[in-house]
Full PDB file with SEQRES, HELIX, SHEET, SSBOND, CRYST1, ORIGX, SCALE, CONECT and MASTER records, all heavy atoms in Angstrom:
SEQRES   1 A   39  LEU ARG LEU ALA PRO LEU GLU THR THR THR VAL ARG GLU          
SEQRES   2 A   39  SER LEU ARG SER VAL ARG ALA ASP LEU ASN ALA VAL VAL          
SEQRES   3 A   39  GLU SER ILE ALA SER ARG ALA THR ARG ASN SER ALA VAL          
HELIX    1 AA1 THR A    8  ALA A   38  1                                  31    
CRYST1    1.000    1.000    1.000  90.00  90.00  90.00 P 1           1          
ORIGX1      1.000000  0.000000  0.000000        0.00000                         
ORIGX2      0.000000  1.000000  0.000000        0.00000                         
ORIGX3      0.000000  0.000000  1.000000        0.00000                         
SCALE1      1.000000  0.000000  0.000000        0.00000                         
SCALE2      0.000000  1.000000  0.000000        0.00000                         
SCALE3      0.000000  0.000000  1.000000        0.00000                         
ATOM      1  N   LEU A   1       3.015  24.433  -9.698  1.00  0.00           N  
ATOM      2  CA  LEU A   1       4.456  24.199  -9.864  1.00  0.00           C  
ATOM      3  C   LEU A   1       5.238  25.504  -9.825  1.00  0.00           C  
ATOM      4  O   LEU A   1       6.405  25.522  -9.436  1.00  0.00           O  
ATOM      5  CB  LEU A   1       4.735  23.446 -11.159  1.00  0.00           C  
ATOM      6  CG  LEU A   1       4.356  21.976 -11.155  1.00  0.00           C  
ATOM      7  CD1 LEU A   1       4.733  21.332 -12.480  1.00  0.00           C  
ATOM      8  CD2 LEU A   1       4.996  21.228 -10.004  1.00  0.00           C  
ATOM      9  N   ARG A   2       4.601  26.580 -10.224  1.00  0.00           N  
ATOM     10  CA  ARG A   2       5.278  27.877 -10.156  1.00  0.00           C  
ATOM     11  C   ARG A   2       5.379  28.360  -8.718  1.00  0.00           C  
ATOM     12  O   ARG A   2       6.308  29.087  -8.372  1.00  0.00           O  
ATOM     13  CB  ARG A   2       4.537  28.901 -11.011  1.00  0.00           C  
ATOM     14  CG  ARG A   2       4.797  28.681 -12.489  1.00  0.00           C  
ATOM     15  CD  ARG A   2       4.187  29.778 -13.327  1.00  0.00           C  
ATOM     16  NE  ARG A   2       3.256  29.111 -14.235  1.00  0.00           N  
ATOM     17  CZ  ARG A   2       2.009  29.446 -14.435  1.00  0.00           C  
ATOM     18  NH1 ARG A   2       1.500  30.483 -13.841  1.00  0.00           N  
ATOM     19  NH2 ARG A   2       1.259  28.769 -15.264  1.00  0.00           N  
ATOM     20  N   LEU A   3       4.431  27.958  -7.884  1.00  0.00           N  
ATOM     21  CA  LEU A   3       4.416  28.398  -6.484  1.00  0.00           C  
ATOM     22  C   LEU A   3       5.215  27.479  -5.570  1.00  0.00           C  
ATOM     23  O   LEU A   3       5.778  27.922  -4.576  1.00  0.00           O  
ATOM     24  CB  LEU A   3       2.972  28.473  -5.974  1.00  0.00           C  
ATOM     25  CG  LEU A   3       2.068  29.485  -6.657  1.00  0.00           C  
ATOM     26  CD1 LEU A   3       0.634  29.324  -6.170  1.00  0.00           C  
ATOM     27  CD2 LEU A   3       2.556  30.899  -6.386  1.00  0.00           C  
ATOM     28  N   ALA A   4       5.219  26.206  -5.874  1.00  0.00           N  
ATOM     29  CA  ALA A   4       5.862  25.214  -5.007  1.00  0.00           C  
ATOM     30  C   ALA A   4       7.363  25.143  -5.284  1.00  0.00           C  
ATOM     31  O   ALA A   4       7.804  25.373  -6.403  1.00  0.00           O  
ATOM     32  CB  ALA A   4       5.233  23.848  -5.240  1.00  0.00           C  
ATOM     33  N   PRO A   5       8.124  24.796  -4.258  1.00  0.00           N  
ATOM     34  CA  PRO A   5       9.570  24.661  -4.447  1.00  0.00           C  
ATOM     35  C   PRO A   5       9.921  23.298  -5.054  1.00  0.00           C  
ATOM     36  O   PRO A   5      10.703  22.529  -4.501  1.00  0.00           O  
ATOM     37  CB  PRO A   5      10.126  24.815  -3.036  1.00  0.00           C  
ATOM     38  CG  PRO A   5       9.042  24.285  -2.158  1.00  0.00           C  
ATOM     39  CD  PRO A   5       7.751  24.653  -2.854  1.00  0.00           C  
ATOM     40  N   LEU A   6       9.289  22.987  -6.204  1.00  0.00           N  
ATOM     41  CA  LEU A   6       9.529  21.716  -6.888  1.00  0.00           C  
ATOM     42  C   LEU A   6      10.207  21.984  -8.216  1.00  0.00           C  
ATOM     43  O   LEU A   6       9.813  22.891  -8.945  1.00  0.00           O  
ATOM     44  CB  LEU A   6       8.206  20.990  -7.153  1.00  0.00           C  
ATOM     45  CG  LEU A   6       7.388  20.565  -5.949  1.00  0.00           C  
ATOM     46  CD1 LEU A   6       6.023  20.075  -6.394  1.00  0.00           C  
ATOM     47  CD2 LEU A   6       8.112  19.479  -5.182  1.00  0.00           C  
ATOM     48  N   GLU A   7      11.183  21.176  -8.525  1.00  0.00           N  
ATOM     49  CA  GLU A   7      11.833  21.265  -9.826  1.00  0.00           C  
ATOM     50  C   GLU A   7      10.940  20.576 -10.852  1.00  0.00           C  
ATOM     51  O   GLU A   7      10.582  19.402 -10.676  1.00  0.00           O  
ATOM     52  CB  GLU A   7      13.203  20.589  -9.798  1.00  0.00           C  
ATOM     53  CG  GLU A   7      14.233  21.330  -8.991  1.00  0.00           C  
ATOM     54  CD  GLU A   7      14.607  22.656  -9.635  1.00  0.00           C  
ATOM     55  OE1 GLU A   7      14.620  22.752 -10.881  1.00  0.00           O  
ATOM     56  OE2 GLU A   7      14.871  23.600  -8.871  1.00  0.00           O  
ATOM     57  N   THR A   8      10.594  21.274 -11.906  1.00  0.00           N  
ATOM     58  CA  THR A   8       9.727  20.720 -12.940  1.00  0.00           C  
ATOM     59  C   THR A   8      10.326  19.452 -13.536  1.00  0.00           C  
ATOM     60  O   THR A   8       9.610  18.480 -13.780  1.00  0.00           O  
ATOM     61  CB  THR A   8       9.469  21.766 -14.042  1.00  0.00           C  
ATOM     62  OG1 THR A   8       8.924  22.931 -13.422  1.00  0.00           O  
ATOM     63  CG2 THR A   8       8.503  21.267 -15.077  1.00  0.00           C  
ATOM     64  N   THR A   9      11.627  19.452 -13.736  1.00  0.00           N  
ATOM     65  CA  THR A   9      12.256  18.271 -14.330  1.00  0.00           C  
ATOM     66  C   THR A   9      12.139  17.056 -13.408  1.00  0.00           C  
ATOM     67  O   THR A   9      11.935  15.940 -13.882  1.00  0.00           O  
ATOM     68  CB  THR A   9      13.733  18.531 -14.659  1.00  0.00           C  
ATOM     69  OG1 THR A   9      14.408  19.004 -13.486  1.00  0.00           O  
ATOM     70  CG2 THR A   9      13.884  19.549 -15.770  1.00  0.00           C  
ATOM     71  N   THR A  10      12.240  17.278 -12.106  1.00  0.00           N  
ATOM     72  CA  THR A  10      12.107  16.178 -11.148  1.00  0.00           C  
ATOM     73  C   THR A  10      10.689  15.619 -11.169  1.00  0.00           C  
ATOM     74  O   THR A  10      10.492  14.389 -11.181  1.00  0.00           O  
ATOM     75  CB  THR A  10      12.465  16.651  -9.728  1.00  0.00           C  
ATOM     76  OG1 THR A  10      13.794  17.173  -9.740  1.00  0.00           O  
ATOM     77  CG2 THR A  10      12.352  15.529  -8.723  1.00  0.00           C  
ATOM     78  N   VAL A  11       9.698  16.506 -11.185  1.00  0.00           N  
ATOM     79  CA  VAL A  11       8.299  16.062 -11.234  1.00  0.00           C  
ATOM     80  C   VAL A  11       8.058  15.295 -12.523  1.00  0.00           C  
ATOM     81  O   VAL A  11       7.450  14.221 -12.523  1.00  0.00           O  
ATOM     82  CB  VAL A  11       7.341  17.266 -11.111  1.00  0.00           C  
ATOM     83  CG1 VAL A  11       5.895  16.837 -11.334  1.00  0.00           C  
ATOM     84  CG2 VAL A  11       7.499  17.939  -9.753  1.00  0.00           C  
ATOM     85  N   ARG A  12       8.538  15.829 -13.639  1.00  0.00           N  
ATOM     86  CA  ARG A  12       8.350  15.179 -14.949  1.00  0.00           C  
ATOM     87  C   ARG A  12       8.981  13.792 -14.948  1.00  0.00           C  
ATOM     88  O   ARG A  12       8.363  12.817 -15.374  1.00  0.00           O  
ATOM     89  CB  ARG A  12       8.947  16.048 -16.056  1.00  0.00           C  
ATOM     90  CG  ARG A  12       8.736  15.486 -17.452  1.00  0.00           C  
ATOM     91  CD  ARG A  12       9.247  16.436 -18.536  1.00  0.00           C  
ATOM     92  NE  ARG A  12       8.289  17.518 -18.723  1.00  0.00           N  
ATOM     93  CZ  ARG A  12       8.540  18.810 -18.482  1.00  0.00           C  
ATOM     94  NH1 ARG A  12       9.724  19.191 -18.053  1.00  0.00           N  
ATOM     95  NH2 ARG A  12       7.621  19.719 -18.681  1.00  0.00           N  
ATOM     96  N   GLU A  13      10.209  13.668 -14.452  1.00  0.00           N  
ATOM     97  CA  GLU A  13      10.888  12.369 -14.419  1.00  0.00           C  
ATOM     98  C   GLU A  13      10.158  11.384 -13.498  1.00  0.00           C  
ATOM     99  O   GLU A  13      10.020  10.200 -13.828  1.00  0.00           O  
ATOM    100  CB  GLU A  13      12.335  12.544 -13.957  1.00  0.00           C  
ATOM    101  CG  GLU A  13      13.215  13.217 -14.990  1.00  0.00           C  
ATOM    102  CD  GLU A  13      14.590  13.586 -14.434  1.00  0.00           C  
ATOM    103  OE1 GLU A  13      14.931  13.149 -13.313  1.00  0.00           O  
ATOM    104  OE2 GLU A  13      15.305  14.335 -15.122  1.00  0.00           O  
ATOM    105  N   SER A  14       9.670  11.861 -12.371  1.00  0.00           N  
ATOM    106  CA  SER A  14       8.940  10.997 -11.444  1.00  0.00           C  
ATOM    107  C   SER A  14       7.652  10.487 -12.075  1.00  0.00           C  
ATOM    108  O   SER A  14       7.319   9.303 -11.959  1.00  0.00           O  
ATOM    109  CB  SER A  14       8.620  11.746 -10.154  1.00  0.00           C  
ATOM    110  OG  SER A  14       9.801  12.072  -9.468  1.00  0.00           O  
ATOM    111  N   LEU A  15       6.932  11.369 -12.741  1.00  0.00           N  
ATOM    112  CA  LEU A  15       5.694  10.963 -13.402  1.00  0.00           C  
ATOM    113  C   LEU A  15       5.965   9.983 -14.538  1.00  0.00           C  
ATOM    114  O   LEU A  15       5.213   9.032 -14.735  1.00  0.00           O  
ATOM    115  CB  LEU A  15       4.925  12.183 -13.908  1.00  0.00           C  
ATOM    116  CG  LEU A  15       4.282  13.041 -12.819  1.00  0.00           C  
ATOM    117  CD1 LEU A  15       3.730  14.327 -13.415  1.00  0.00           C  
ATOM    118  CD2 LEU A  15       3.211  12.265 -12.083  1.00  0.00           C  
ATOM    119  N   ARG A  16       7.043  10.200 -15.260  1.00  0.00           N  
ATOM    120  CA  ARG A  16       7.392   9.264 -16.339  1.00  0.00           C  
ATOM    121  C   ARG A  16       7.757   7.895 -15.771  1.00  0.00           C  
ATOM    122  O   ARG A  16       7.457   6.866 -16.380  1.00  0.00           O  
ATOM    123  CB  ARG A  16       8.516   9.835 -17.188  1.00  0.00           C  
ATOM    124  CG  ARG A  16       8.033  10.948 -18.086  1.00  0.00           C  
ATOM    125  CD  ARG A  16       9.117  11.488 -18.965  1.00  0.00           C  
ATOM    126  NE  ARG A  16       8.569  12.512 -19.854  1.00  0.00           N  
ATOM    127  CZ  ARG A  16       9.289  13.452 -20.417  1.00  0.00           C  
ATOM    128  NH1 ARG A  16      10.593  13.514 -20.207  1.00  0.00           N  
ATOM    129  NH2 ARG A  16       8.724  14.345 -21.199  1.00  0.00           N  
ATOM    130  N   SER A  17       8.378   7.872 -14.611  1.00  0.00           N  
ATOM    131  CA  SER A  17       8.715   6.606 -13.967  1.00  0.00           C  
ATOM    132  C   SER A  17       7.441   5.873 -13.530  1.00  0.00           C  
ATOM    133  O   SER A  17       7.308   4.659 -13.739  1.00  0.00           O  
ATOM    134  CB  SER A  17       9.614   6.867 -12.760  1.00  0.00           C  
ATOM    135  OG  SER A  17       9.864   5.685 -12.054  1.00  0.00           O  
ATOM    136  N   VAL A  18       6.494   6.604 -12.939  1.00  0.00           N  
ATOM    137  CA  VAL A  18       5.208   6.009 -12.548  1.00  0.00           C  
ATOM    138  C   VAL A  18       4.497   5.488 -13.788  1.00  0.00           C  
ATOM    139  O   VAL A  18       3.957   4.376 -13.795  1.00  0.00           O  
ATOM    140  CB  VAL A  18       4.329   7.041 -11.805  1.00  0.00           C  
ATOM    141  CG1 VAL A  18       2.902   6.536 -11.641  1.00  0.00           C  
ATOM    142  CG2 VAL A  18       4.941   7.388 -10.458  1.00  0.00           C  
ATOM    143  N   ARG A  19       4.510   6.288 -14.846  1.00  0.00           N  
ATOM    144  CA  ARG A  19       3.870   5.895 -16.107  1.00  0.00           C  
ATOM    145  C   ARG A  19       4.467   4.594 -16.631  1.00  0.00           C  
ATOM    146  O   ARG A  19       3.755   3.686 -17.059  1.00  0.00           O  
ATOM    147  CB  ARG A  19       4.025   7.012 -17.139  1.00  0.00           C  
ATOM    148  CG  ARG A  19       3.302   6.730 -18.425  1.00  0.00           C  
ATOM    149  CD  ARG A  19       3.824   7.615 -19.549  1.00  0.00           C  
ATOM    150  NE  ARG A  19       3.068   7.436 -20.753  1.00  0.00           N  
ATOM    151  CZ  ARG A  19       3.111   6.363 -21.526  1.00  0.00           C  
ATOM    152  NH1 ARG A  19       3.871   5.337 -21.204  1.00  0.00           N  
ATOM    153  NH2 ARG A  19       2.388   6.290 -22.620  1.00  0.00           N  
ATOM    154  N   ALA A  20       5.791   4.485 -16.596  1.00  0.00           N  
ATOM    155  CA  ALA A  20       6.467   3.278 -17.081  1.00  0.00           C  
ATOM    156  C   ALA A  20       6.074   2.056 -16.244  1.00  0.00           C  
ATOM    157  O   ALA A  20       5.825   0.979 -16.798  1.00  0.00           O  
ATOM    158  CB  ALA A  20       7.982   3.481 -17.060  1.00  0.00           C  
ATOM    159  N   ASP A  21       5.992   2.231 -14.934  1.00  0.00           N  
ATOM    160  CA  ASP A  21       5.585   1.122 -14.059  1.00  0.00           C  
ATOM    161  C   ASP A  21       4.155   0.685 -14.359  1.00  0.00           C  
ATOM    162  O   ASP A  21       3.870  -0.516 -14.448  1.00  0.00           O  
ATOM    163  CB  ASP A  21       5.712   1.519 -12.590  1.00  0.00           C  
ATOM    164  CG  ASP A  21       7.153   1.685 -12.145  1.00  0.00           C  
ATOM    165  OD1 ASP A  21       8.069   1.212 -12.854  1.00  0.00           O  
ATOM    166  OD2 ASP A  21       7.367   2.298 -11.083  1.00  0.00           O  
ATOM    167  N   LEU A  22       3.252   1.649 -14.511  1.00  0.00           N  
ATOM    168  CA  LEU A  22       1.855   1.316 -14.821  1.00  0.00           C  
ATOM    169  C   LEU A  22       1.749   0.628 -16.172  1.00  0.00           C  
ATOM    170  O   LEU A  22       0.998  -0.329 -16.341  1.00  0.00           O  
ATOM    171  CB  LEU A  22       0.989   2.573 -14.799  1.00  0.00           C  
ATOM    172  CG  LEU A  22       0.789   3.227 -13.440  1.00  0.00           C  
ATOM    173  CD1 LEU A  22       0.026   4.541 -13.594  1.00  0.00           C  
ATOM    174  CD2 LEU A  22       0.088   2.295 -12.479  1.00  0.00           C  
ATOM    175  N   ASN A  23       2.517   1.125 -17.129  1.00  0.00           N  
ATOM    176  CA  ASN A  23       2.506   0.522 -18.463  1.00  0.00           C  
ATOM    177  C   ASN A  23       2.987  -0.924 -18.410  1.00  0.00           C  
ATOM    178  O   ASN A  23       2.432  -1.793 -19.091  1.00  0.00           O  
ATOM    179  CB  ASN A  23       3.355   1.352 -19.423  1.00  0.00           C  
ATOM    180  CG  ASN A  23       3.051   1.043 -20.855  1.00  0.00           C  
ATOM    181  OD1 ASN A  23       1.887   1.035 -21.251  1.00  0.00           O  
ATOM    182  ND2 ASN A  23       4.085   0.792 -21.638  1.00  0.00           N  
ATOM    183  N   ALA A  24       3.985  -1.197 -17.594  1.00  0.00           N  
ATOM    184  CA  ALA A  24       4.479  -2.576 -17.450  1.00  0.00           C  
ATOM    185  C   ALA A  24       3.387  -3.483 -16.882  1.00  0.00           C  
ATOM    186  O   ALA A  24       3.236  -4.634 -17.319  1.00  0.00           O  
ATOM    187  CB  ALA A  24       5.715  -2.599 -16.555  1.00  0.00           C  
ATOM    188  N   VAL A  25       2.611  -2.979 -15.935  1.00  0.00           N  
ATOM    189  CA  VAL A  25       1.523  -3.772 -15.373  1.00  0.00           C  
ATOM    190  C   VAL A  25       0.454  -4.033 -16.428  1.00  0.00           C  
ATOM    191  O   VAL A  25      -0.031  -5.164 -16.575  1.00  0.00           O  
ATOM    192  CB  VAL A  25       0.915  -3.075 -14.133  1.00  0.00           C  
ATOM    193  CG1 VAL A  25      -0.325  -3.809 -13.644  1.00  0.00           C  
ATOM    194  CG2 VAL A  25       1.940  -2.970 -13.020  1.00  0.00           C  
ATOM    195  N   VAL A  26       0.081  -2.999 -17.189  1.00  0.00           N  
ATOM    196  CA  VAL A  26      -0.919  -3.163 -18.254  1.00  0.00           C  
ATOM    197  C   VAL A  26      -0.440  -4.191 -19.270  1.00  0.00           C  
ATOM    198  O   VAL A  26      -1.202  -5.074 -19.680  1.00  0.00           O  
ATOM    199  CB  VAL A  26      -1.230  -1.813 -18.938  1.00  0.00           C  
ATOM    200  CG1 VAL A  26      -2.071  -1.999 -20.188  1.00  0.00           C  
ATOM    201  CG2 VAL A  26      -1.934  -0.873 -17.963  1.00  0.00           C  
ATOM    202  N   GLU A  27       0.822  -4.107 -19.672  1.00  0.00           N  
ATOM    203  CA  GLU A  27       1.371  -5.065 -20.633  1.00  0.00           C  
ATOM    204  C   GLU A  27       1.371  -6.478 -20.063  1.00  0.00           C  
ATOM    205  O   GLU A  27       1.089  -7.441 -20.775  1.00  0.00           O  
ATOM    206  CB  GLU A  27       2.774  -4.646 -21.053  1.00  0.00           C  
ATOM    207  CG  GLU A  27       2.781  -3.431 -21.950  1.00  0.00           C  
ATOM    208  CD  GLU A  27       4.190  -2.946 -22.278  1.00  0.00           C  
ATOM    209  OE1 GLU A  27       5.186  -3.568 -21.815  1.00  0.00           O  
ATOM    210  OE2 GLU A  27       4.293  -1.937 -22.993  1.00  0.00           O  
ATOM    211  N   SER A  28       1.655  -6.613 -18.774  1.00  0.00           N  
ATOM    212  CA  SER A  28       1.641  -7.928 -18.134  1.00  0.00           C  
ATOM    213  C   SER A  28       0.231  -8.515 -18.132  1.00  0.00           C  
ATOM    214  O   SER A  28       0.040  -9.703 -18.414  1.00  0.00           O  
ATOM    215  CB  SER A  28       2.170  -7.812 -16.706  1.00  0.00           C  
ATOM    216  OG  SER A  28       2.034  -9.022 -16.029  1.00  0.00           O  
ATOM    217  N   ILE A  29      -0.751  -7.678 -17.834  1.00  0.00           N  
ATOM    218  CA  ILE A  29      -2.142  -8.141 -17.843  1.00  0.00           C  
ATOM    219  C   ILE A  29      -2.543  -8.562 -19.254  1.00  0.00           C  
ATOM    220  O   ILE A  29      -3.157  -9.612 -19.449  1.00  0.00           O  
ATOM    221  CB  ILE A  29      -3.083  -7.042 -17.304  1.00  0.00           C  
ATOM    222  CG1 ILE A  29      -2.850  -6.835 -15.804  1.00  0.00           C  
ATOM    223  CG2 ILE A  29      -4.550  -7.385 -17.582  1.00  0.00           C  
ATOM    224  CD1 ILE A  29      -3.531  -5.610 -15.233  1.00  0.00           C  
ATOM    225  N   ALA A  30      -2.177  -7.765 -20.247  1.00  0.00           N  
ATOM    226  CA  ALA A  30      -2.514  -8.085 -21.640  1.00  0.00           C  
ATOM    227  C   ALA A  30      -1.832  -9.374 -22.075  1.00  0.00           C  
ATOM    228  O   ALA A  30      -2.442 -10.214 -22.744  1.00  0.00           O  
ATOM    229  CB  ALA A  30      -2.115  -6.931 -22.550  1.00  0.00           C  
ATOM    230  N   SER A  31      -0.577  -9.544 -21.683  1.00  0.00           N  
ATOM    231  CA  SER A  31       0.160 -10.752 -22.043  1.00  0.00           C  
ATOM    232  C   SER A  31      -0.480 -11.987 -21.407  1.00  0.00           C  
ATOM    233  O   SER A  31      -0.650 -13.015 -22.062  1.00  0.00           O  
ATOM    234  CB  SER A  31       1.611 -10.617 -21.590  1.00  0.00           C  
ATOM    235  OG  SER A  31       2.314 -11.806 -21.801  1.00  0.00           O  
ATOM    236  N   ARG A  32      -0.854 -11.858 -20.159  1.00  0.00           N  
ATOM    237  CA  ARG A  32      -1.493 -12.974 -19.455  1.00  0.00           C  
ATOM    238  C   ARG A  32      -2.838 -13.315 -20.100  1.00  0.00           C  
ATOM    239  O   ARG A  32      -3.176 -14.483 -20.272  1.00  0.00           O  
ATOM    240  CB  ARG A  32      -1.682 -12.614 -17.983  1.00  0.00           C  
ATOM    241  CG  ARG A  32      -2.028 -13.788 -17.125  1.00  0.00           C  
ATOM    242  CD  ARG A  32      -1.963 -13.451 -15.655  1.00  0.00           C  
ATOM    243  NE  ARG A  32      -0.623 -12.994 -15.309  1.00  0.00           N  
ATOM    244  CZ  ARG A  32      -0.364 -12.016 -14.444  1.00  0.00           C  
ATOM    245  NH1 ARG A  32      -1.334 -11.414 -13.823  1.00  0.00           N  
ATOM    246  NH2 ARG A  32       0.874 -11.670 -14.184  1.00  0.00           N  
ATOM    247  N   ALA A  33      -3.590 -12.296 -20.479  1.00  0.00           N  
ATOM    248  CA  ALA A  33      -4.887 -12.522 -21.128  1.00  0.00           C  
ATOM    249  C   ALA A  33      -4.698 -13.212 -22.471  1.00  0.00           C  
ATOM    250  O   ALA A  33      -5.471 -14.104 -22.833  1.00  0.00           O  
ATOM    251  CB  ALA A  33      -5.626 -11.192 -21.304  1.00  0.00           C  
ATOM    252  N   THR A  34      -3.666 -12.831 -23.210  1.00  0.00           N  
ATOM    253  CA  THR A  34      -3.384 -13.453 -24.496  1.00  0.00           C  
ATOM    254  C   THR A  34      -3.014 -14.916 -24.316  1.00  0.00           C  
ATOM    255  O   THR A  34      -3.500 -15.781 -25.055  1.00  0.00           O  
ATOM    256  CB  THR A  34      -2.237 -12.705 -25.220  1.00  0.00           C  
ATOM    257  OG1 THR A  34      -2.630 -11.344 -25.401  1.00  0.00           O  
ATOM    258  CG2 THR A  34      -1.928 -13.325 -26.559  1.00  0.00           C  
ATOM    259  N   ARG A  35      -2.180 -15.206 -23.330  1.00  0.00           N  
ATOM    260  CA  ARG A  35      -1.786 -16.590 -23.047  1.00  0.00           C  
ATOM    261  C   ARG A  35      -3.001 -17.422 -22.633  1.00  0.00           C  
ATOM    262  O   ARG A  35      -3.172 -18.548 -23.069  1.00  0.00           O  
ATOM    263  CB  ARG A  35      -0.723 -16.654 -21.960  1.00  0.00           C  
ATOM    264  CG  ARG A  35       0.662 -16.349 -22.437  1.00  0.00           C  
ATOM    265  CD  ARG A  35       1.684 -16.746 -21.384  1.00  0.00           C  
ATOM    266  NE  ARG A  35       1.345 -16.222 -20.068  1.00  0.00           N  
ATOM    267  CZ  ARG A  35       1.908 -15.176 -19.488  1.00  0.00           C  
ATOM    268  NH1 ARG A  35       2.856 -14.526 -20.111  1.00  0.00           N  
ATOM    269  NH2 ARG A  35       1.549 -14.783 -18.291  1.00  0.00           N  
ATOM    270  N   ASN A  36      -3.861 -16.836 -21.791  1.00  0.00           N  
ATOM    271  CA  ASN A  36      -5.038 -17.567 -21.311  1.00  0.00           C  
ATOM    272  C   ASN A  36      -6.036 -17.824 -22.436  1.00  0.00           C  
ATOM    273  O   ASN A  36      -6.698 -18.856 -22.449  1.00  0.00           O  
ATOM    274  CB  ASN A  36      -5.714 -16.818 -20.161  1.00  0.00           C  
ATOM    275  CG  ASN A  36      -4.889 -16.871 -18.906  1.00  0.00           C  
ATOM    276  OD1 ASN A  36      -3.981 -17.700 -18.761  1.00  0.00           O  
ATOM    277  ND2 ASN A  36      -5.170 -15.964 -17.997  1.00  0.00           N  
ATOM    278  N   SER A  37      -6.152 -16.894 -23.376  1.00  0.00           N  
ATOM    279  CA  SER A  37      -7.101 -17.092 -24.474  1.00  0.00           C  
ATOM    280  C   SER A  37      -6.574 -18.097 -25.485  1.00  0.00           C  
ATOM    281  O   SER A  37      -7.343 -18.703 -26.214  1.00  0.00           O  
ATOM    282  CB  SER A  37      -7.409 -15.762 -25.161  1.00  0.00           C  
ATOM    283  OG  SER A  37      -6.266 -15.262 -25.818  1.00  0.00           O  
ATOM    284  N   ALA A  38      -5.251 -18.327 -25.511  1.00  0.00           N  
ATOM    285  CA  ALA A  38      -4.658 -19.289 -26.433  1.00  0.00           C  
ATOM    286  C   ALA A  38      -4.765 -20.725 -25.911  1.00  0.00           C  
ATOM    287  O   ALA A  38      -4.630 -21.672 -26.673  1.00  0.00           O  
ATOM    288  CB  ALA A  38      -3.197 -18.944 -26.683  1.00  0.00           C  
ATOM    289  N   VAL A  39      -5.047 -20.868 -24.608  1.00  0.00           N  
ATOM    290  CA  VAL A  39      -5.171 -22.207 -24.025  1.00  0.00           C  
ATOM    291  C   VAL A  39      -6.560 -22.759 -24.357  1.00  0.00           C  
ATOM    292  O   VAL A  39      -7.567 -22.104 -24.113  1.00  0.00           O  
ATOM    293  CB  VAL A  39      -4.977 -22.125 -22.478  1.00  0.00           C  
ATOM    294  CG1 VAL A  39      -5.228 -23.486 -21.850  1.00  0.00           C  
ATOM    295  CG2 VAL A  39      -3.605 -21.612 -22.147  1.00  0.00           C  
TER     296      VAL A  39                                                      
MASTER        0    0    0    1    0    0    0    6  295    1    0    3          
END                                                                             
């Protein structure tokens, strides 16, 4: 990051956005598993 012409804040925000998307998928899978185990 020190060598590349990348803004650290931009990289950090992009990674946090990816993290949020992945977390939403994990939560969806967990929610679906909970619903399926209750049936």
